[in-house]
C-alpha atoms as a PDB file:
ATOM      1  CA  MET A   1      37.722  17.291  38.033  1.00  0.00           C
ATOM      2  CA  PRO A   2      34.454  17.184  36.060  1.00  0.00           C
ATOM      3  CA  ILE A   3      31.212  16.414  37.872  1.00  0.00           C
ATOM      4  CA  PRO A   4      29.579  13.208  36.630  1.00  0.00           C
ATOM      5  CA  PRO A   5      26.114  13.631  35.138  1.00  0.00           C
ATOM      6  CA  LEU A   6      23.198  13.056  37.466  1.00  0.00           C
ATOM      7  CA  THR A   7      21.425   9.839  36.576  1.00  0.00           C
ATOM      8  CA  PHE A   8      18.643   7.993  38.259  1.00  0.00           C
ATOM      9  CA  VAL A   9      18.469   4.276  37.563  1.00  0.00           C
ATOM     10  CA  THR A  10      15.957   2.189  39.465  1.00  0.00           C
ATOM     11  CA  PRO A  11      16.876  -1.412  40.204  1.00  0.00           C
ATOM     12  CA  SER A  12      15.066  -4.228  38.477  1.00  0.00           C
ATOM     13  CA  VAL A  13      12.927  -6.787  40.271  1.00  0.00           C
ATOM     14  CA  VAL A  14      15.883  -9.172  40.289  1.00  0.00           C
ATOM     15  CA  SER A  15      18.365  -6.714  41.798  1.00  0.00           C
ATOM     16  CA  ASP A  16      15.958  -5.115  44.275  1.00  0.00           C
ATOM     17  CA  ARG A  17      17.899  -5.339  47.526  1.00  0.00           C
ATOM     18  CA  PRO A  18      18.227  -3.004  50.517  1.00  0.00           C
ATOM     19  CA  GLN A  19      21.612  -1.831  49.176  1.00  0.00           C
ATOM     20  CA  ALA A  20      20.079  -0.980  45.794  1.00  0.00           C
ATOM     21  CA  ARG A  21      17.244   0.954  47.475  1.00  0.00           C
ATOM     22  CA  ALA A  22      19.777   2.879  49.569  1.00  0.00           C
ATOM     23  CA  LYS A  23      21.691   3.798  46.390  1.00  0.00           C
ATOM     24  CA  VAL A  24      18.477   5.013  44.742  1.00  0.00           C
ATOM     25  CA  LYS A  25      17.789   7.217  47.787  1.00  0.00           C
ATOM     26  CA  ARG A  26      21.335   8.639  47.691  1.00  0.00           C
ATOM     27  CA  ASP A  27      21.054   9.349  43.945  1.00  0.00           C
ATOM     28  CA  LEU A  28      17.676  11.005  44.398  1.00  0.00           C
ATOM     29  CA  ARG A  29      19.014  13.212  47.202  1.00  0.00           C
ATOM     30  CA  GLU A  30      21.879  14.324  44.952  1.00  0.00           C
ATOM     31  CA  ILE A  31      19.467  15.161  42.144  1.00  0.00           C
ATOM     32  CA  LEU A  32      17.147  17.054  44.495  1.00  0.00           C
ATOM     33  CA  ARG A  33      20.095  18.957  45.994  1.00  0.00           C
ATOM     34  CA  ALA A  34      21.248  20.004  42.516  1.00  0.00           C
ATOM     35  CA  ALA A  35      17.682  20.951  41.511  1.00  0.00           C
ATOM     36  CA  GLU A  36      17.265  23.045  44.656  1.00  0.00           C
ATOM     37  CA  GLN A  37      20.521  24.879  43.970  1.00  0.00           C
ATOM     38  CA  TYR A  38      19.388  25.622  40.434  1.00  0.00           C
ATOM     39  CA  LEU A  39      15.662  26.324  40.926  1.00  0.00           C
ATOM     40  CA  GLY A  40      15.495  27.471  44.520  1.00  0.00           C
ATOM     41  CA  PRO A  41      13.477  25.951  47.354  1.00  0.00           C
ATOM     42  CA  GLN A  42      10.083  27.417  46.392  1.00  0.00           C
ATOM     43  CA  GLN A  43      10.201  26.217  42.792  1.00  0.00           C
ATOM     44  CA  LEU A  44      11.441  22.792  43.869  1.00  0.00           C
ATOM     45  CA  ASP A  45       8.560  22.531  46.347  1.00  0.00           C
ATOM     46  CA  GLN A  46       6.146  23.518  43.572  1.00  0.00           C
ATOM     47  CA  VAL A  47       7.565  20.883  41.219  1.00  0.00           C
ATOM     48  CA  VAL A  48       7.245  18.191  43.888  1.00  0.00           C
ATOM     49  CA  HIS A  49       3.721  19.392  44.717  1.00  0.00           C
ATOM     50  CA  ASP A  50       2.696  19.308  41.045  1.00  0.00           C
ATOM     51  CA  HIS A  51       4.173  15.832  40.677  1.00  0.00           C
ATOM     52  CA  ARG A  52       2.220  14.575  43.678  1.00  0.00           C
ATOM     53  CA  ARG A  53      -1.024  16.136  42.455  1.00  0.00           C
ATOM     54  CA  ALA A  54      -0.578  14.654  38.987  1.00  0.00           C
ATOM     55  CA  ARG A  55      -0.244  11.193  40.480  1.00  0.00           C
ATOM     56  CA  ALA A  56      -3.292  11.650  42.696  1.00  0.00           C
ATOM     57  CA  GLY A  57      -5.790  12.403  39.935  1.00  0.00           C
ATOM     58  CA  ARG A  58      -7.444  10.142  37.452  1.00  0.00           C
ATOM     59  CA  THR A  59      -7.677  10.988  33.800  1.00  0.00           C
ATOM     60  CA  PRO A  60     -11.183  11.847  32.640  1.00  0.00           C
ATOM     61  CA  ASP A  61     -13.087   9.428  30.451  1.00  0.00           C
ATOM     62  CA  GLU A  62     -13.407  11.700  27.412  1.00  0.00           C
ATOM     63  CA  SER A  63     -15.611   9.321  25.427  1.00  0.00           C
ATOM     64  CA  LEU A  64     -18.101   9.013  28.287  1.00  0.00           C
ATOM     65  CA  ASN A  65     -18.034  12.786  28.843  1.00  0.00           C
ATOM     66  CA  ALA A  66     -18.797  13.372  25.170  1.00  0.00           C
ATOM     67  CA  LEU A  67     -21.604  10.796  25.295  1.00  0.00           C
ATOM     68  CA  VAL A  68     -23.180  12.408  28.369  1.00  0.00           C
ATOM     69  CA  LEU A  69     -23.059  15.854  26.733  1.00  0.00           C
ATOM     70  CA  GLU A  70     -24.467  14.514  23.468  1.00  0.00           C
ATOM     71  CA  LYS A  71     -27.354  12.791  25.265  1.00  0.00           C
ATOM     72  CA  TRP A  72     -27.980  15.902  27.410  1.00  0.00           C
ATOM     73  CA  ASP A  73     -28.172  18.118  24.334  1.00  0.00           C
ATOM     74  CA  ALA A  74     -30.581  15.682  22.649  1.00  0.00           C
ATOM     75  CA  SER A  75     -32.682  15.182  25.786  1.00  0.00           C
ATOM     76  CA  PRO A  76     -36.093  16.860  25.781  1.00  0.00           C
ATOM     77  CA  THR A  77     -36.002  17.283  29.557  1.00  0.00           C
ATOM     78  CA  ARG A  78     -33.718  19.591  31.506  1.00  0.00           C
ATOM     79  CA  ASP A  79     -34.256  17.731  34.770  1.00  0.00           C
ATOM     80  CA  LYS A  80     -30.927  16.208  35.788  1.00  0.00           C
ATOM     81  CA  THR A  81     -32.521  13.443  37.870  1.00  0.00           C
ATOM     82  CA  LYS A  82     -34.744  12.238  35.026  1.00  0.00           C
ATOM     83  CA  PHE A  83     -31.843  12.534  32.602  1.00  0.00           C
ATOM     84  CA  SER A  84     -29.492  10.506  34.789  1.00  0.00           C
ATOM     85  CA  LYS A  85     -32.100   7.760  35.279  1.00  0.00           C
ATOM     86  CA  ALA A  86     -32.740   7.586  31.543  1.00  0.00           C
ATOM     87  CA  PHE A  87     -29.010   7.606  30.795  1.00  0.00           C
ATOM     88  CA  LEU A  88     -28.377   4.746  33.220  1.00  0.00           C
ATOM     89  CA  GLN A  89     -31.200   2.690  31.694  1.00  0.00           C
ATOM     90  CA  GLU A  90     -29.747   3.230  28.242  1.00  0.00           C
ATOM     91  CA  HIS A  91     -26.077   2.833  29.251  1.00  0.00           C
ATOM     92  CA  PRO A  92     -25.715   0.619  32.345  1.00  0.00           C
ATOM     93  CA  GLN A  93     -21.993   1.002  33.062  1.00  0.00           C
ATOM     94  CA  GLY A  94     -21.904   0.512  36.833  1.00  0.00           C
ATOM     95  CA  TYR A  95     -22.358   4.191  37.678  1.00  0.00           C
ATOM     96  CA  THR A  96     -24.849   5.619  40.121  1.00  0.00           C
ATOM     97  CA  GLU A  97     -27.410   8.304  39.452  1.00  0.00           C
ATOM     98  CA  GLY A  98     -25.389  10.773  41.530  1.00  0.00           C
ATOM     99  CA  ALA A  99     -22.232   9.974  39.579  1.00  0.00           C
ATOM    100  CA  VAL A 100     -23.967  10.710  36.284  1.00  0.00           C
ATOM    101  CA  LYS A 101     -25.353  13.995  37.657  1.00  0.00           C
ATOM    102  CA  ALA A 102     -21.901  15.002  38.935  1.00  0.00           C
ATOM    103  CA  ARG A 103     -20.288  14.115  35.589  1.00  0.00           C
ATOM    104  CA  LEU A 104     -22.960  16.100  33.739  1.00  0.00           C
ATOM    105  CA  LYS A 105     -22.309  19.111  35.970  1.00  0.00           C
ATOM    106  CA  ARG A 106     -18.535  18.903  35.422  1.00  0.00           C
ATOM    107  CA  VAL A 107     -18.721  18.569  31.636  1.00  0.00           C
ATOM    108  CA  ARG A 108     -21.274  21.371  31.319  1.00  0.00           C
ATOM    109  CA  ILE A 109     -19.052  23.695  33.367  1.00  0.00           C
ATOM    110  CA  ALA A 110     -16.027  22.678  31.283  1.00  0.00           C
ATOM    111  CA  ARG A 111     -17.971  23.417  28.086  1.00  0.00           C
ATOM    112  CA  ILE A 112     -19.008  26.849  29.380  1.00  0.00           C
ATOM    113  CA  LYS A 113     -15.410  27.663  30.333  1.00  0.00           C
ATOM    114  CA  ALA A 114     -14.148  26.510  26.921  1.00  0.00           C
ATOM    115  CA  ARG A 115     -16.710  28.707  25.162  1.00  0.00           C
ATOM    116  CA  ARG A 116     -15.715  31.708  27.274  1.00  0.00           C
ATOM    117  CA  ARG A 117     -12.034  31.075  26.564  1.00  0.00           C
ATOM    118  CA  ASP A 118     -12.748  30.804  22.826  1.00  0.00           C
ATOM    119  CA  ARG A 119     -14.732  34.058  22.875  1.00  0.00           C
ATOM    120  CA  LYS A 120     -11.905  35.859  24.675  1.00  0.00           C
ATOM    121  CA  LEU A 121      -9.330  34.534  22.217  1.00  0.00           C
ATOM    122  CA  LYS A 122     -11.479  35.521  19.258  1.00  0.00           C
ATOM    123  CA  ALA A 123     -12.056  39.004  20.667  1.00  0.00           C
ATOM    124  CA  ALA A 124      -8.360  39.429  21.408  1.00  0.00           C
ATOM    125  CA  SER A 125      -7.376  38.324  17.911  1.00  0.00           C
ATOM    126  CA  GLN A 126      -9.831  40.762  16.294  1.00  0.00           C
ATOM    127  CA  ARG A 127      -8.608  43.780  18.259  1.00  0.00           C
ATOM    128  CA  PRO A 128      -6.408  46.170  16.302  1.00  0.00           C
ATOM    129  CA  SER A 129      -2.735  45.840  17.021  1.00  0.00           C
ATOM    130  CA  LEU A 130      -1.202  48.263  19.477  1.00  0.00           C
ATOM    131  CA  VAL A 131       2.011  48.176  17.464  1.00  0.00           C
ATOM    132  CA  GLY A 132       0.158  49.212  14.313  1.00  0.00           C
ATOM    133  CA  GLU A 133      -1.520  52.085  16.153  1.00  0.00           C
ATOM    134  CA  ALA A 134       1.819  53.323  17.466  1.00  0.00           C
ATOM    135  CA  ARG A 135       3.261  53.384  13.962  1.00  0.00           C
ATOM    136  CA  GLY A 136       0.202  55.035  12.490  1.00  0.00           C
ATOM    137  CA  THR A 137      -0.809  51.948  10.442  1.00  0.00           C
ATOM    138  CA  GLU A 138      -3.375  49.252  11.040  1.00  0.00           C
END
């Protein structure tokens, strides 16, 4: 007897009843049981953990991050307090001075990490191949 495929169908607003919710819970338990048999308990826990963490975070405002970095690079001062006050006067978007300073810190750290990662990739790509050395060619 073949096993039916595991499907997960959530009820609509119209058919949302206690019986439908109970069926969703039963279906989810079946899917999780099958996933645990296939992946193992640690990997299943990690998948659930990653799913929960992904839902908890907010996506960064890339356009605002780019604007803050652009204004920081063009700013004659390197004082974060003066910069954040000037930024808020120029772009009043409902943020506080502390929020602008925190955003500036985060995007500057992200830029430093990206530069380091790019340097490592460039250095790794310019290294001679180990395979070529083993064969006597480069």
